[in-house]
PDB file of N, CA and C in Angstrom:
ATOM      1  N   MET A   1       5.928   2.724 -35.311  1.00  0.00           N
ATOM      2  CA  MET A   1       6.448   3.855 -34.586  1.00  0.00           C
ATOM      3  C   MET A   1       5.876   3.841 -33.170  1.00  0.00           C
ATOM      4  N   GLU A   2       6.710   4.124 -32.201  1.00  0.00           N
ATOM      5  CA  GLU A   2       6.308   4.107 -30.808  1.00  0.00           C
ATOM      6  C   GLU A   2       5.527   5.373 -30.459  1.00  0.00           C
ATOM      7  N   GLU A   3       4.458   5.174 -29.687  1.00  0.00           N
ATOM      8  CA  GLU A   3       3.655   6.315 -29.260  1.00  0.00           C
ATOM      9  C   GLU A   3       4.424   7.147 -28.254  1.00  0.00           C
ATOM     10  N   ARG A   4       4.088   8.390 -28.176  1.00  0.00           N
ATOM     11  CA  ARG A   4       4.714   9.256 -27.190  1.00  0.00           C
ATOM     12  C   ARG A   4       4.186   8.934 -25.805  1.00  0.00           C
ATOM     13  N   PHE A   5       4.952   9.299 -24.810  1.00  0.00           N
ATOM     14  CA  PHE A   5       4.630   8.958 -23.428  1.00  0.00           C
ATOM     15  C   PHE A   5       3.292   9.525 -22.993  1.00  0.00           C
ATOM     16  N   PHE A   6       3.069  10.814 -23.219  1.00  0.00           N
ATOM     17  CA  PHE A   6       1.852  11.452 -22.728  1.00  0.00           C
ATOM     18  C   PHE A   6       0.605  10.867 -23.373  1.00  0.00           C
ATOM     19  N   GLU A   7       0.680  10.535 -24.656  1.00  0.00           N
ATOM     20  CA  GLU A   7      -0.453   9.909 -25.338  1.00  0.00           C
ATOM     21  C   GLU A   7      -0.769   8.552 -24.724  1.00  0.00           C
ATOM     22  N   THR A   8       0.254   7.759 -24.479  1.00  0.00           N
ATOM     23  CA  THR A   8       0.066   6.439 -23.896  1.00  0.00           C
ATOM     24  C   THR A   8      -0.462   6.549 -22.472  1.00  0.00           C
ATOM     25  N   PHE A   9       0.007   7.552 -21.739  1.00  0.00           N
ATOM     26  CA  PHE A   9      -0.451   7.787 -20.373  1.00  0.00           C
ATOM     27  C   PHE A   9      -1.960   8.046 -20.355  1.00  0.00           C
ATOM     28  N   ILE A  10      -2.426   8.898 -21.256  1.00  0.00           N
ATOM     29  CA  ILE A  10      -3.854   9.208 -21.350  1.00  0.00           C
ATOM     30  C   ILE A  10      -4.636   8.000 -21.847  1.00  0.00           C
ATOM     31  N   HIS A  11      -4.090   7.274 -22.808  1.00  0.00           N
ATOM     32  CA  HIS A  11      -4.768   6.082 -23.313  1.00  0.00           C
ATOM     33  C   HIS A  11      -4.953   5.052 -22.206  1.00  0.00           C
ATOM     34  N   CYS A  12      -3.952   4.845 -21.376  1.00  0.00           N
ATOM     35  CA  CYS A  12      -4.056   3.888 -20.269  1.00  0.00           C
ATOM     36  C   CYS A  12      -5.189   4.269 -19.331  1.00  0.00           C
ATOM     37  N   TYR A  13      -5.289   5.545 -19.023  1.00  0.00           N
ATOM     38  CA  TYR A  13      -6.351   6.014 -18.137  1.00  0.00           C
ATOM     39  C   TYR A  13      -7.727   5.701 -18.707  1.00  0.00           C
ATOM     40  N   PHE A  14      -7.947   6.083 -19.955  1.00  0.00           N
ATOM     41  CA  PHE A  14      -9.280   5.944 -20.522  1.00  0.00           C
ATOM     42  C   PHE A  14      -9.613   4.513 -20.926  1.00  0.00           C
ATOM     43  N   ILE A  15      -8.625   3.703 -21.250  1.00  0.00           N
ATOM     44  CA  ILE A  15      -8.895   2.295 -21.527  1.00  0.00           C
ATOM     45  C   ILE A  15      -9.361   1.604 -20.259  1.00  0.00           C
ATOM     46  N   ALA A  16      -8.670   1.833 -19.151  1.00  0.00           N
ATOM     47  CA  ALA A  16      -9.083   1.239 -17.877  1.00  0.00           C
ATOM     48  C   ALA A  16     -10.460   1.745 -17.473  1.00  0.00           C
ATOM     49  N   PHE A  17     -10.703   3.037 -17.645  1.00  0.00           N
ATOM     50  CA  PHE A  17     -12.000   3.636 -17.342  1.00  0.00           C
ATOM     51  C   PHE A  17     -13.093   2.960 -18.167  1.00  0.00           C
ATOM     52  N   GLY A  18     -12.854   2.801 -19.451  1.00  0.00           N
ATOM     53  CA  GLY A  18     -13.845   2.209 -20.348  1.00  0.00           C
ATOM     54  C   GLY A  18     -14.106   0.742 -20.077  1.00  0.00           C
ATOM     55  N   VAL A  19     -13.077   0.000 -19.698  1.00  0.00           N
ATOM     56  CA  VAL A  19     -13.268  -1.419 -19.397  1.00  0.00           C
ATOM     57  C   VAL A  19     -14.188  -1.579 -18.195  1.00  0.00           C
ATOM     58  N   VAL A  20     -13.977  -0.786 -17.167  1.00  0.00           N
ATOM     59  CA  VAL A  20     -14.809  -0.902 -15.967  1.00  0.00           C
ATOM     60  C   VAL A  20     -16.229  -0.430 -16.242  1.00  0.00           C
ATOM     61  N   ILE A  21     -16.381   0.732 -16.866  1.00  0.00           N
ATOM     62  CA  ILE A  21     -17.723   1.265 -17.142  1.00  0.00           C
ATOM     63  C   ILE A  21     -18.480   0.338 -18.098  1.00  0.00           C
ATOM     64  N   GLY A  22     -17.868   0.026 -19.204  1.00  0.00           N
ATOM     65  CA  GLY A  22     -18.539  -0.809 -20.205  1.00  0.00           C
ATOM     66  C   GLY A  22     -18.816  -2.211 -19.722  1.00  0.00           C
ATOM     67  N   GLY A  23     -17.830  -2.818 -19.090  1.00  0.00           N
ATOM     68  CA  GLY A  23     -18.018  -4.179 -18.592  1.00  0.00           C
ATOM     69  C   GLY A  23     -19.088  -4.258 -17.530  1.00  0.00           C
ATOM     70  N   SER A  24     -19.143  -3.270 -16.668  1.00  0.00           N
ATOM     71  CA  SER A  24     -20.142  -3.280 -15.601  1.00  0.00           C
ATOM     72  C   SER A  24     -21.552  -3.077 -16.145  1.00  0.00           C
ATOM     73  N   ILE A  25     -21.696  -2.145 -17.046  1.00  0.00           N
ATOM     74  CA  ILE A  25     -23.035  -1.864 -17.588  1.00  0.00           C
ATOM     75  C   ILE A  25     -23.525  -3.012 -18.475  1.00  0.00           C
ATOM     76  N   ILE A  26     -22.665  -3.507 -19.348  1.00  0.00           N
ATOM     77  CA  ILE A  26     -23.056  -4.625 -20.207  1.00  0.00           C
ATOM     78  C   ILE A  26     -23.274  -5.878 -19.372  1.00  0.00           C
ATOM     79  N   GLY A  27     -22.431  -6.098 -18.360  1.00  0.00           N
ATOM     80  CA  GLY A  27     -22.596  -7.254 -17.494  1.00  0.00           C
ATOM     81  C   GLY A  27     -23.881  -7.217 -16.692  1.00  0.00           C
ATOM     82  N   SER A  28     -24.352  -6.023 -16.358  1.00  0.00           N
ATOM     83  CA  SER A  28     -25.586  -5.925 -15.581  1.00  0.00           C
ATOM     84  C   SER A  28     -26.817  -6.278 -16.412  1.00  0.00           C
ATOM     85  N   ILE A  29     -26.684  -6.281 -17.726  1.00  0.00           N
ATOM     86  CA  ILE A  29     -27.801  -6.714 -18.575  1.00  0.00           C
ATOM     87  C   ILE A  29     -28.117  -8.175 -18.294  1.00  0.00           C
ATOM     88  N   GLY A  30     -27.073  -8.972 -18.074  1.00  0.00           N
ATOM     89  CA  GLY A  30     -27.284 -10.377 -17.723  1.00  0.00           C
ATOM     90  C   GLY A  30     -28.013 -10.526 -16.407  1.00  0.00           C
ATOM     91  N   ALA A  31     -27.711  -9.660 -15.455  1.00  0.00           N
ATOM     92  CA  ALA A  31     -28.423  -9.698 -14.178  1.00  0.00           C
ATOM     93  C   ALA A  31     -29.890  -9.344 -14.377  1.00  0.00           C
ATOM     94  N   PHE A  32     -30.151  -8.370 -15.216  1.00  0.00           N
ATOM     95  CA  PHE A  32     -31.531  -7.973 -15.495  1.00  0.00           C
ATOM     96  C   PHE A  32     -32.313  -9.119 -16.127  1.00  0.00           C
ATOM     97  N   VAL A  33     -31.673  -9.807 -17.082  1.00  0.00           N
ATOM     98  CA  VAL A  33     -32.335 -10.905 -17.782  1.00  0.00           C
ATOM     99  C   VAL A  33     -32.633 -12.057 -16.821  1.00  0.00           C
ATOM    100  N   THR A  34     -31.744 -12.305 -15.882  1.00  0.00           N
ATOM    101  CA  THR A  34     -31.945 -13.416 -14.948  1.00  0.00           C
ATOM    102  C   THR A  34     -32.767 -13.033 -13.724  1.00  0.00           C
ATOM    103  N   GLY A  35     -33.211 -11.795 -13.641  1.00  0.00           N
ATOM    104  CA  GLY A  35     -34.090 -11.386 -12.559  1.00  0.00           C
ATOM    105  C   GLY A  35     -33.375 -10.860 -11.321  1.00  0.00           C
ATOM    106  N   ASN A  36     -32.076 -10.615 -11.390  1.00  0.00           N
ATOM    107  CA  ASN A  36     -31.342 -10.049 -10.263  1.00  0.00           C
ATOM    108  C   ASN A  36     -31.362  -8.523 -10.346  1.00  0.00           C
ATOM    109  N   ALA A  37     -30.892  -7.883  -9.296  1.00  0.00           N
ATOM    110  CA  ALA A  37     -30.864  -6.417  -9.248  1.00  0.00           C
ATOM    111  C   ALA A  37     -29.686  -5.890 -10.077  1.00  0.00           C
ATOM    112  N   PRO A  38     -29.956  -5.214 -11.196  1.00  0.00           N
ATOM    113  CA  PRO A  38     -28.864  -4.774 -12.063  1.00  0.00           C
ATOM    114  C   PRO A  38     -27.957  -3.726 -11.427  1.00  0.00           C
ATOM    115  N   LEU A  39     -28.486  -2.830 -10.605  1.00  0.00           N
ATOM    116  CA  LEU A  39     -27.634  -1.806 -10.001  1.00  0.00           C
ATOM    117  C   LEU A  39     -26.652  -2.412  -8.999  1.00  0.00           C
ATOM    118  N   THR A  40     -27.096  -3.399  -8.269  1.00  0.00           N
ATOM    119  CA  THR A  40     -26.192  -4.091  -7.352  1.00  0.00           C
ATOM    120  C   THR A  40     -25.130  -4.861  -8.131  1.00  0.00           C
ATOM    121  N   GLU A  41     -25.533  -5.466  -9.237  1.00  0.00           N
ATOM    122  CA  GLU A  41     -24.581  -6.216 -10.065  1.00  0.00           C
ATOM    123  C   GLU A  41     -23.552  -5.296 -10.718  1.00  0.00           C
ATOM    124  N   ILE A  42     -23.938  -4.079 -11.053  1.00  0.00           N
ATOM    125  CA  ILE A  42     -22.975  -3.130 -11.617  1.00  0.00           C
ATOM    126  C   ILE A  42     -21.827  -2.935 -10.635  1.00  0.00           C
ATOM    127  N   GLY A  43     -22.149  -2.745  -9.373  1.00  0.00           N
ATOM    128  CA  GLY A  43     -21.113  -2.560  -8.364  1.00  0.00           C
ATOM    129  C   GLY A  43     -20.254  -3.783  -8.179  1.00  0.00           C
ATOM    130  N   ARG A  44     -20.871  -4.955  -8.147  1.00  0.00           N
ATOM    131  CA  ARG A  44     -20.117  -6.192  -7.957  1.00  0.00           C
ATOM    132  C   ARG A  44     -19.187  -6.461  -9.141  1.00  0.00           C
ATOM    133  N   ILE A  45     -19.692  -6.263 -10.331  1.00  0.00           N
ATOM    134  CA  ILE A  45     -18.882  -6.495 -11.534  1.00  0.00           C
ATOM    135  C   ILE A  45     -17.736  -5.483 -11.615  1.00  0.00           C
ATOM    136  N   ALA A  46     -18.005  -4.242 -11.257  1.00  0.00           N
ATOM    137  CA  ALA A  46     -16.959  -3.213 -11.300  1.00  0.00           C
ATOM    138  C   ALA A  46     -15.788  -3.579 -10.404  1.00  0.00           C
ATOM    139  N   VAL A  47     -16.084  -4.079  -9.220  1.00  0.00           N
ATOM    140  CA  VAL A  47     -15.015  -4.477  -8.295  1.00  0.00           C
ATOM    141  C   VAL A  47     -14.229  -5.661  -8.861  1.00  0.00           C
ATOM    142  N   GLN A  48     -14.908  -6.593  -9.510  1.00  0.00           N
ATOM    143  CA  GLN A  48     -14.236  -7.760 -10.074  1.00  0.00           C
ATOM    144  C   GLN A  48     -13.401  -7.413 -11.308  1.00  0.00           C
ATOM    145  N   LEU A  49     -13.748  -6.358 -12.006  1.00  0.00           N
ATOM    146  CA  LEU A  49     -13.036  -5.989 -13.230  1.00  0.00           C
ATOM    147  C   LEU A  49     -11.803  -5.114 -12.989  1.00  0.00           C
ATOM    148  N   ARG A  50     -11.555  -4.705 -11.763  1.00  0.00           N
ATOM    149  CA  ARG A  50     -10.464  -3.759 -11.492  1.00  0.00           C
ATOM    150  C   ARG A  50      -9.126  -4.219 -12.050  1.00  0.00           C
ATOM    151  N   ILE A  51      -8.670  -5.390 -11.679  1.00  0.00           N
ATOM    152  CA  ILE A  51      -7.338  -5.830 -12.102  1.00  0.00           C
ATOM    153  C   ILE A  51      -7.283  -6.073 -13.606  1.00  0.00           C
ATOM    154  N   TRP A  52      -8.390  -6.574 -14.173  1.00  0.00           N
ATOM    155  CA  TRP A  52      -8.401  -6.837 -15.612  1.00  0.00           C
ATOM    156  C   TRP A  52      -8.386  -5.547 -16.418  1.00  0.00           C
ATOM    157  N   ALA A  53      -8.984  -4.514 -15.892  1.00  0.00           N
ATOM    158  CA  ALA A  53      -8.944  -3.221 -16.574  1.00  0.00           C
ATOM    159  C   ALA A  53      -7.522  -2.669 -16.592  1.00  0.00           C
ATOM    160  N   ILE A  54      -6.793  -2.842 -15.498  1.00  0.00           N
ATOM    161  CA  ILE A  54      -5.403  -2.371 -15.455  1.00  0.00           C
ATOM    162  C   ILE A  54      -4.545  -3.159 -16.426  1.00  0.00           C
ATOM    163  N   VAL A  55      -4.728  -4.475 -16.460  1.00  0.00           N
ATOM    164  CA  VAL A  55      -3.957  -5.318 -17.384  1.00  0.00           C
ATOM    165  C   VAL A  55      -4.266  -4.962 -18.831  1.00  0.00           C
ATOM    166  N   ALA A  56      -5.535  -4.753 -19.136  1.00  0.00           N
ATOM    167  CA  ALA A  56      -5.913  -4.377 -20.506  1.00  0.00           C
ATOM    168  C   ALA A  56      -5.337  -3.020 -20.881  1.00  0.00           C
ATOM    169  N   ALA A  57      -5.306  -2.091 -19.941  1.00  0.00           N
ATOM    170  CA  ALA A  57      -4.834  -0.742 -20.238  1.00  0.00           C
ATOM    171  C   ALA A  57      -3.340  -0.690 -20.502  1.00  0.00           C
ATOM    172  N   ILE A  58      -2.568  -1.483 -19.788  1.00  0.00           N
ATOM    173  CA  ILE A  58      -1.114  -1.425 -19.992  1.00  0.00           C
ATOM    174  C   ILE A  58      -0.658  -2.335 -21.124  1.00  0.00           C
ATOM    175  N   GLY A  59      -1.581  -2.997 -21.788  1.00  0.00           N
ATOM    176  CA  GLY A  59      -1.227  -3.773 -22.970  1.00  0.00           C
ATOM    177  C   GLY A  59      -0.902  -5.218 -22.702  1.00  0.00           C
ATOM    178  N   GLY A  60      -1.314  -5.757 -21.613  1.00  0.00           N
ATOM    179  CA  GLY A  60      -1.054  -7.149 -21.290  1.00  0.00           C
ATOM    180  C   GLY A  60       0.113  -7.285 -20.328  1.00  0.00           C
ATOM    181  N   THR A  61       0.165  -8.407 -19.688  1.00  0.00           N
ATOM    182  CA  THR A  61       1.167  -8.593 -18.640  1.00  0.00           C
ATOM    183  C   THR A  61       2.570  -8.804 -19.191  1.00  0.00           C
ATOM    184  N   PHE A  62       2.720  -9.403 -20.348  1.00  0.00           N
ATOM    185  CA  PHE A  62       4.056  -9.708 -20.854  1.00  0.00           C
ATOM    186  C   PHE A  62       4.828  -8.455 -21.238  1.00  0.00           C
ATOM    187  N   ASP A  63       4.147  -7.467 -21.796  1.00  0.00           N
ATOM    188  CA  ASP A  63       4.811  -6.209 -22.131  1.00  0.00           C
ATOM    189  C   ASP A  63       5.286  -5.495 -20.872  1.00  0.00           C
ATOM    190  N   ALA A  64       4.453  -5.509 -19.856  1.00  0.00           N
ATOM    191  CA  ALA A  64       4.832  -4.853 -18.605  1.00  0.00           C
ATOM    192  C   ALA A  64       6.024  -5.558 -17.968  1.00  0.00           C
ATOM    193  N   ILE A  65       6.003  -6.881 -17.985  1.00  0.00           N
ATOM    194  CA  ILE A  65       7.121  -7.635 -17.405  1.00  0.00           C
ATOM    195  C   ILE A  65       8.391  -7.393 -18.206  1.00  0.00           C
ATOM    196  N   ALA A  66       8.282  -7.332 -19.525  1.00  0.00           N
ATOM    197  CA  ALA A  66       9.460  -7.074 -20.354  1.00  0.00           C
ATOM    198  C   ALA A  66      10.032  -5.687 -20.081  1.00  0.00           C
ATOM    199  N   ASN A  67       9.160  -4.695 -19.880  1.00  0.00           N
ATOM    200  CA  ASN A  67       9.647  -3.352 -19.570  1.00  0.00           C
ATOM    201  C   ASN A  67      10.294  -3.292 -18.194  1.00  0.00           C
ATOM    202  N   PHE A  68       9.723  -3.996 -17.226  1.00  0.00           N
ATOM    203  CA  PHE A  68      10.344  -4.046 -15.899  1.00  0.00           C
ATOM    204  C   PHE A  68      11.700  -4.754 -15.966  1.00  0.00           C
ATOM    205  N   GLU A  69      11.763  -5.826 -16.751  1.00  0.00           N
ATOM    206  CA  GLU A  69      13.025  -6.552 -16.898  1.00  0.00           C
ATOM    207  C   GLU A  69      14.086  -5.662 -17.543  1.00  0.00           C
ATOM    208  N   ARG A  70      13.698  -4.929 -18.563  1.00  0.00           N
ATOM    209  CA  ARG A  70      14.633  -4.020 -19.221  1.00  0.00           C
ATOM    210  C   ARG A  70      15.103  -2.943 -18.241  1.00  0.00           C
ATOM    211  N   GLY A  71      14.198  -2.466 -17.414  1.00  0.00           N
ATOM    212  CA  GLY A  71      14.554  -1.441 -16.437  1.00  0.00           C
ATOM    213  C   GLY A  71      15.502  -1.946 -15.372  1.00  0.00           C
ATOM    214  N   ILE A  72      15.310  -3.181 -14.949  1.00  0.00           N
ATOM    215  CA  ILE A  72      16.147  -3.724 -13.873  1.00  0.00           C
ATOM    216  C   ILE A  72      17.478  -4.239 -14.409  1.00  0.00           C
ATOM    217  N   TYR A  73      17.449  -5.083 -15.428  1.00  0.00           N
ATOM    218  CA  TYR A  73      18.667  -5.746 -15.897  1.00  0.00           C
ATOM    219  C   TYR A  73      19.516  -4.889 -16.819  1.00  0.00           C
ATOM    220  N   ASP A  74      18.901  -4.075 -17.635  1.00  0.00           N
ATOM    221  CA  ASP A  74      19.658  -3.254 -18.577  1.00  0.00           C
ATOM    222  C   ASP A  74      19.970  -1.876 -18.025  1.00  0.00           C
ATOM    223  N   GLY A  75      19.494  -1.583 -16.849  1.00  0.00           N
ATOM    224  CA  GLY A  75      19.774  -0.293 -16.235  1.00  0.00           C
ATOM    225  C   GLY A  75      18.984   0.850 -16.832  1.00  0.00           C
ATOM    226  N   SER A  76      17.921   0.528 -17.530  1.00  0.00           N
ATOM    227  CA  SER A  76      17.081   1.560 -18.137  1.00  0.00           C
ATOM    228  C   SER A  76      15.990   1.964 -17.142  1.00  0.00           C
ATOM    229  N   THR A  77      16.361   2.819 -16.222  1.00  0.00           N
ATOM    230  CA  THR A  77      15.411   3.211 -15.183  1.00  0.00           C
ATOM    231  C   THR A  77      14.271   4.049 -15.738  1.00  0.00           C
ATOM    232  N   MET A  78      14.482   4.693 -16.861  1.00  0.00           N
ATOM    233  CA  MET A  78      13.408   5.495 -17.450  1.00  0.00           C
ATOM    234  C   MET A  78      12.257   4.601 -17.892  1.00  0.00           C
ATOM    235  N   ASP A  79      12.554   3.422 -18.467  1.00  0.00           N
ATOM    236  CA  ASP A  79      11.490   2.489 -18.851  1.00  0.00           C
ATOM    237  C   ASP A  79      10.743   1.973 -17.625  1.00  0.00           C
ATOM    238  N   LEU A  80      11.464   1.732 -16.566  1.00  0.00           N
ATOM    239  CA  LEU A  80      10.843   1.276 -15.321  1.00  0.00           C
ATOM    240  C   LEU A  80       9.922   2.356 -14.760  1.00  0.00           C
ATOM    241  N   PHE A  81      10.381   3.586 -14.781  1.00  0.00           N
ATOM    242  CA  PHE A  81       9.586   4.712 -14.284  1.00  0.00           C
ATOM    243  C   PHE A  81       8.347   4.940 -15.148  1.00  0.00           C
ATOM    244  N   LYS A  82       8.509   4.860 -16.468  1.00  0.00           N
ATOM    245  CA  LYS A  82       7.374   5.050 -17.374  1.00  0.00           C
ATOM    246  C   LYS A  82       6.321   3.970 -17.164  1.00  0.00           C
ATOM    247  N   GLN A  83       6.769   2.727 -17.007  1.00  0.00           N
ATOM    248  CA  GLN A  83       5.812   1.640 -16.815  1.00  0.00           C
ATOM    249  C   GLN A  83       5.054   1.801 -15.503  1.00  0.00           C
ATOM    250  N   ALA A  84       5.731   2.254 -14.469  1.00  0.00           N
ATOM    251  CA  ALA A  84       5.063   2.505 -13.191  1.00  0.00           C
ATOM    252  C   ALA A  84       4.025   3.620 -13.337  1.00  0.00           C
ATOM    253  N   LEU A  85       4.338   4.655 -14.100  1.00  0.00           N
ATOM    254  CA  LEU A  85       3.373   5.735 -14.324  1.00  0.00           C
ATOM    255  C   LEU A  85       2.176   5.265 -15.152  1.00  0.00           C
ATOM    256  N   PHE A  86       2.410   4.360 -16.105  1.00  0.00           N
ATOM    257  CA  PHE A  86       1.299   3.808 -16.884  1.00  0.00           C
ATOM    258  C   PHE A  86       0.358   3.012 -15.983  1.00  0.00           C
ATOM    259  N   ILE A  87       0.919   2.244 -15.075  1.00  0.00           N
ATOM    260  CA  ILE A  87       0.099   1.462 -14.154  1.00  0.00           C
ATOM    261  C   ILE A  87      -0.680   2.393 -13.231  1.00  0.00           C
ATOM    262  N   LEU A  88      -0.032   3.437 -12.739  1.00  0.00           N
ATOM    263  CA  LEU A  88      -0.738   4.402 -11.891  1.00  0.00           C
ATOM    264  C   LEU A  88      -1.858   5.112 -12.654  1.00  0.00           C
ATOM    265  N   SER A  89      -1.628   5.407 -13.914  1.00  0.00           N
ATOM    266  CA  SER A  89      -2.652   6.031 -14.742  1.00  0.00           C
ATOM    267  C   SER A  89      -3.854   5.099 -14.901  1.00  0.00           C
ATOM    268  N   ALA A  90      -3.586   3.827 -15.156  1.00  0.00           N
ATOM    269  CA  ALA A  90      -4.658   2.850 -15.291  1.00  0.00           C
ATOM    270  C   ALA A  90      -5.416   2.692 -13.974  1.00  0.00           C
ATOM    271  N   MET A  91      -4.696   2.707 -12.866  1.00  0.00           N
ATOM    272  CA  MET A  91      -5.351   2.613 -11.559  1.00  0.00           C
ATOM    273  C   MET A  91      -6.239   3.828 -11.309  1.00  0.00           C
ATOM    274  N   GLY A  92      -5.799   4.988 -11.769  1.00  0.00           N
ATOM    275  CA  GLY A  92      -6.619   6.190 -11.649  1.00  0.00           C
ATOM    276  C   GLY A  92      -7.887   6.094 -12.474  1.00  0.00           C
ATOM    277  N   GLY A  93      -7.788   5.524 -13.676  1.00  0.00           N
ATOM    278  CA  GLY A  93      -8.972   5.329 -14.509  1.00  0.00           C
ATOM    279  C   GLY A  93      -9.962   4.372 -13.877  1.00  0.00           C
ATOM    280  N   VAL A  94      -9.449   3.313 -13.256  1.00  0.00           N
ATOM    281  CA  VAL A  94     -10.313   2.348 -12.583  1.00  0.00           C
ATOM    282  C   VAL A  94     -11.012   3.004 -11.399  1.00  0.00           C
ATOM    283  N   LYS A  95     -10.260   3.743 -10.597  1.00  0.00           N
ATOM    284  CA  LYS A  95     -10.844   4.394  -9.421  1.00  0.00           C
ATOM    285  C   LYS A  95     -11.905   5.423  -9.827  1.00  0.00           C
ATOM    286  N   THR A  96     -11.621   6.181 -10.875  1.00  0.00           N
ATOM    287  CA  THR A  96     -12.592   7.155 -11.355  1.00  0.00           C
ATOM    288  C   THR A  96     -13.875   6.475 -11.826  1.00  0.00           C
ATOM    289  N   ALA A  97     -13.738   5.378 -12.550  1.00  0.00           N
ATOM    290  CA  ALA A  97     -14.912   4.655 -13.036  1.00  0.00           C
ATOM    291  C   ALA A  97     -15.730   4.101 -11.881  1.00  0.00           C
ATOM    292  N   ILE A  98     -15.071   3.548 -10.873  1.00  0.00           N
ATOM    293  CA  ILE A  98     -15.795   3.000  -9.730  1.00  0.00           C
ATOM    294  C   ILE A  98     -16.495   4.105  -8.955  1.00  0.00           C
ATOM    295  N   LEU A  99     -15.831   5.240  -8.793  1.00  0.00           N
ATOM    296  CA  LEU A  99     -16.481   6.363  -8.116  1.00  0.00           C
ATOM    297  C   LEU A  99     -17.677   6.879  -8.906  1.00  0.00           C
ATOM    298  N   LEU A 100     -17.559   6.940 -10.221  1.00  0.00           N
ATOM    299  CA  LEU A 100     -18.672   7.385 -11.063  1.00  0.00           C
ATOM    300  C   LEU A 100     -19.849   6.416 -10.972  1.00  0.00           C
ATOM    301  N   LEU A 101     -19.545   5.112 -11.012  1.00  0.00           N
ATOM    302  CA  LEU A 101     -20.616   4.128 -10.887  1.00  0.00           C
ATOM    303  C   LEU A 101     -21.265   4.202  -9.511  1.00  0.00           C
ATOM    304  N   ASN A 102     -20.472   4.434  -8.498  1.00  0.00           N
ATOM    305  CA  ASN A 102     -21.000   4.579  -7.146  1.00  0.00           C
ATOM    306  C   ASN A 102     -21.931   5.787  -7.082  1.00  0.00           C
ATOM    307  N   TRP A 103     -21.532   6.851  -7.702  1.00  0.00           N
ATOM    308  CA  TRP A 103     -22.340   8.064  -7.709  1.00  0.00           C
ATOM    309  C   TRP A 103     -23.640   7.851  -8.488  1.00  0.00           C
ATOM    310  N   LEU A 104     -23.564   7.171  -9.628  1.00  0.00           N
ATOM    311  CA  LEU A 104     -24.753   6.974 -10.462  1.00  0.00           C
ATOM    312  C   LEU A 104     -25.734   5.977  -9.874  1.00  0.00           C
ATOM    313  N   THR A 105     -25.224   4.911  -9.268  1.00  0.00           N
ATOM    314  CA  THR A 105     -26.109   3.871  -8.763  1.00  0.00           C
ATOM    315  C   THR A 105     -26.480   4.055  -7.296  1.00  0.00           C
ATOM    316  N   GLN A 106     -25.775   4.914  -6.592  1.00  0.00           N
ATOM    317  CA  GLN A 106     -25.984   5.135  -5.161  1.00  0.00           C
ATOM    318  C   GLN A 106     -25.834   3.849  -4.370  1.00  0.00           C
ATOM    319  N   GLU A 107     -24.934   2.974  -4.844  1.00  0.00           N
ATOM    320  CA  GLU A 107     -24.609   1.742  -4.144  1.00  0.00           C
ATOM    321  C   GLU A 107     -23.248   1.933  -3.480  1.00  0.00           C
ATOM    322  N   ASP A 108     -22.987   1.225  -2.420  1.00  0.00           N
ATOM    323  CA  ASP A 108     -21.700   1.313  -1.735  1.00  0.00           C
ATOM    324  C   ASP A 108     -20.774   0.238  -2.301  1.00  0.00           C
ATOM    325  N   ILE A 109     -19.960   0.613  -3.312  1.00  0.00           N
ATOM    326  CA  ILE A 109     -19.077  -0.369  -3.930  1.00  0.00           C
ATOM    327  C   ILE A 109     -17.616  -0.133  -3.621  1.00  0.00           C
ATOM    328  N   ALA A 110     -17.286   0.947  -2.953  1.00  0.00           N
ATOM    329  CA  ALA A 110     -15.921   1.304  -2.541  1.00  0.00           C
ATOM    330  C   ALA A 110     -14.975   1.032  -3.645  1.00  0.00           C
TER     331      ALA A 110
END
């Protein structure tokens, strides 16, 4: 059964948020073990994880491409609009996570 739009919209936001937060914090453990500055590494890893968090949140690239194809070729503009909103939701989750990490670490990671 297909999930409802609003549920998927919220899931995209929090999946992207969790990928950036979790990946950055867990990734900084490696920096700590190797003697590098973990707070600086949190910021660097967060910036590198941005696109992957969006891809993970929308369910992979092939599903997104299939929905865009259906929207363009089959005239289903609602699917195209929904997919664009899912991507925007994931981008919002990524931005929120980066801002939170910036606030917590007091590093300039933009």
